[in-house]
Protein backbone atom coordinates (compact mmCIF):
# COMPACT_ATOMS: atom_id res chain seq x y z
CA MET A 1 -0.02 0.11 0.03
CA ARG A 2 2.81 2.45 0.89
CA ASN A 3 4.50 1.84 -2.47
CA GLU A 4 1.41 2.33 -4.39
CA PHE A 5 0.65 5.59 -2.55
CA ALA A 6 4.16 6.72 -3.25
CA LEU A 7 3.95 5.75 -7.00
CA GLU A 8 0.70 7.81 -7.17
CA ARG A 9 2.25 10.78 -5.44
CA TYR A 10 5.34 10.55 -7.78
CA ARG A 11 3.16 10.47 -10.84
CA TYR A 12 1.35 13.52 -9.61
CA ILE A 13 4.45 15.45 -8.73
CA LEU A 14 5.85 14.70 -12.33
CA GLN A 15 2.66 15.93 -13.79
CA GLN A 16 2.83 19.17 -11.68
CA ILE A 17 6.48 19.66 -12.93
CA HIS A 18 5.39 19.20 -16.53
CA ALA A 19 2.59 21.82 -15.95
CA VAL A 20 4.91 24.29 -14.31
CA ASN A 21 7.31 24.07 -17.33
CA GLU A 22 4.48 24.63 -19.66
CA ASN A 23 3.04 27.57 -17.76
CA ALA A 24 6.19 29.55 -18.23
CA HIS A 25 5.78 29.42 -21.90
CA ARG A 26 2.06 30.51 -21.68
CA PHE A 27 2.94 33.37 -19.50
CA LEU A 28 5.57 34.53 -21.94
CA ALA A 29 3.06 34.21 -24.80
CA ILE A 30 0.59 36.30 -22.77
CA TYR A 31 3.12 39.12 -22.13
CA GLN A 32 4.22 39.15 -25.74
CA THR A 33 0.56 39.58 -26.86
CA LEU A 34 -0.40 42.18 -24.44
CA ALA A 35 2.79 44.09 -24.62
CA THR A 36 2.60 44.19 -28.42
CA ALA A 37 -1.06 45.38 -28.27
CA LEU A 38 -0.48 48.13 -25.63
CA VAL A 39 2.77 49.42 -27.29
CA SER A 40 1.07 49.32 -30.73
CA GLY A 41 -1.71 51.48 -29.04
CA ALA A 42 1.04 53.85 -27.87
CA LEU A 43 2.61 54.10 -31.26
CA ALA A 44 -1.02 54.61 -32.91
CA LEU A 45 -1.64 57.37 -30.47
CA PHE A 46 1.65 59.01 -31.05
CA VAL A 47 1.19 58.80 -35.03
CA GLY A 48 -2.37 59.92 -34.89
CA TYR A 49 -2.95 62.33 -32.05
CA ARG A 50 -2.71 65.46 -34.28
CA LYS A 51 -5.02 64.06 -36.92
CA TRP A 52 -7.55 63.05 -34.09
CA GLU A 53 -7.06 66.47 -32.67
CA VAL A 54 -5.94 65.28 -29.24
CA ALA A 55 -4.16 67.77 -27.17
CA PRO A 56 -0.42 66.80 -26.98
CA ASP A 57 -0.51 66.64 -23.09
CA VAL A 58 -3.38 64.24 -23.36
CA ALA A 59 -1.55 62.21 -25.95
CA ARG A 60 1.66 62.03 -23.81
CA GLY A 61 -0.34 60.93 -20.85
CA GLY A 62 -2.12 58.20 -22.94
CA VAL A 63 1.39 56.93 -24.11
CA ILE A 64 2.66 57.09 -20.56
CA GLY A 65 -0.40 55.38 -19.36
CA LEU A 66 -0.04 52.64 -22.02
CA LEU A 67 3.65 52.04 -20.97
CA ILE A 68 2.59 51.89 -17.33
CA LEU A 69 0.19 49.23 -18.21
CA THR A 70 2.75 47.39 -20.27
CA THR A 71 5.09 47.48 -17.12
CA VAL A 72 2.29 46.10 -14.85
CA VAL A 73 1.66 43.22 -17.40
CA ALA A 74 5.57 42.65 -17.39
CA ALA A 75 5.68 42.56 -13.44
CA PHE A 76 2.63 40.32 -13.30
CA THR A 77 4.09 37.91 -15.80
CA SER A 78 7.62 38.16 -13.99
CA THR A 79 5.98 37.33 -10.74
CA LEU A 80 4.20 34.28 -12.16
CA ILE A 81 7.33 32.99 -13.80
CA VAL A 82 9.24 33.36 -10.33
CA VAL A 83 6.55 31.71 -8.47
CA GLY A 84 6.50 28.81 -10.99
CA ALA A 85 10.31 28.40 -10.66
CA VAL A 86 9.98 28.12 -6.93
CA ALA A 87 7.11 25.63 -7.22
CA TRP A 88 9.21 23.55 -9.59
CA LEU A 89 12.06 23.53 -7.09
CA ASP A 90 9.53 22.47 -4.36
CA TYR A 91 8.16 19.63 -6.70
CA ARG A 92 11.67 18.55 -7.54
CA ASN A 93 12.61 18.35 -3.96
CA GLU A 94 9.46 16.38 -3.23
CA GLU A 95 10.55 14.15 -6.08
CA CYS A 96 13.79 13.40 -4.44
CA ASP A 97 12.36 12.88 -1.20
CA ILE A 98 10.18 9.96 -2.61
CA THR A 99 12.91 8.30 -4.69
CA ASP A 100 15.17 8.55 -1.52
CA GLN A 101 12.81 6.53 0.51
CA ILE A 102 11.36 4.13 -2.16
CA VAL A 103 14.33 3.57 -4.34
CA ALA A 104 17.63 4.50 -2.76
CA PRO A 105 19.14 7.53 -1.01
CA GLY A 106 20.65 9.71 -3.73
CA PHE A 107 18.88 8.06 -6.70
CA ARG A 108 17.78 11.48 -8.03
CA GLU A 109 20.05 14.52 -7.55
CA ARG A 110 18.48 17.48 -5.89
CA PRO A 111 18.03 20.57 -7.91
CA ASN A 112 20.69 23.26 -7.53
CA PRO A 113 19.36 26.90 -7.48
CA GLY A 114 23.04 27.89 -8.41
CA ASN A 115 22.26 26.69 -11.91
CA LEU A 116 20.08 29.71 -12.34
CA PHE A 117 21.97 30.49 -15.84
CA ARG A 118 20.78 27.11 -17.07
CA TRP A 119 17.09 27.75 -16.71
CA TYR A 120 15.19 29.32 -19.56
CA GLU A 121 12.95 31.15 -17.01
CA THR A 122 16.11 33.18 -16.28
CA TYR A 123 16.22 34.29 -19.90
CA VAL A 124 12.57 34.92 -20.20
CA LEU A 125 12.77 37.28 -17.25
CA LEU A 126 15.79 39.01 -18.72
CA PHE A 127 13.82 39.30 -22.00
CA ILE A 128 10.86 40.96 -20.21
CA LEU A 129 13.09 43.36 -18.16
CA VAL A 130 15.19 44.47 -21.23
CA SER A 131 12.01 44.81 -23.40
CA VAL A 132 10.37 47.07 -20.78
CA ILE A 133 13.46 49.15 -20.19
CA THR A 134 13.84 49.50 -24.02
CA MET A 135 10.05 50.70 -24.41
CA TRP A 136 10.61 53.33 -21.73
CA VAL A 137 13.85 54.55 -23.05
CA LEU A 138 12.86 54.77 -26.48
CA ALA A 139 9.53 56.55 -25.57
CA GLY A 140 11.44 58.89 -23.34
CA LEU A 141 14.07 59.70 -26.04
CA PHE A 142 11.86 59.75 -29.30
CA LEU A 143 8.16 59.72 -28.72
CA LEU A 144 7.46 62.03 -25.72
CA PRO A 145 9.74 64.78 -26.81
CA ALA A 146 8.12 64.82 -30.30
CA MET A 147 4.69 65.14 -29.01
CA ARG A 148 4.44 68.95 -28.62
């Protein structure tokens, strides 16, 4: 009975690890979609505010608001990715606990958080950070000053 329970728990843990890995890709896709839409809206506002007879101050405020919204989406996505990585570490440690008890101690090597640079989540977070910084810098250097 104990081994059957351990086997079912092990299957569940493997399923959860798989789900956590898939979620990171989903979160990146959501970020890319929303960021593209919001920045496109900011660019459309920049290009069309004169034609639409929107005051430059209002248009600048709209661009800033859309960039703030993009930053909030980036922060939310980053939080979900970090929480997923922490959950993954927890599931992997639990997996190691089960294999230590049922198979043999040391059967499965525990995850090493020091391998941070080998995780794709690290690079997804870097992409999000660099893209948000780039959006703000480009808006500050080119869009906002040109809206007079």
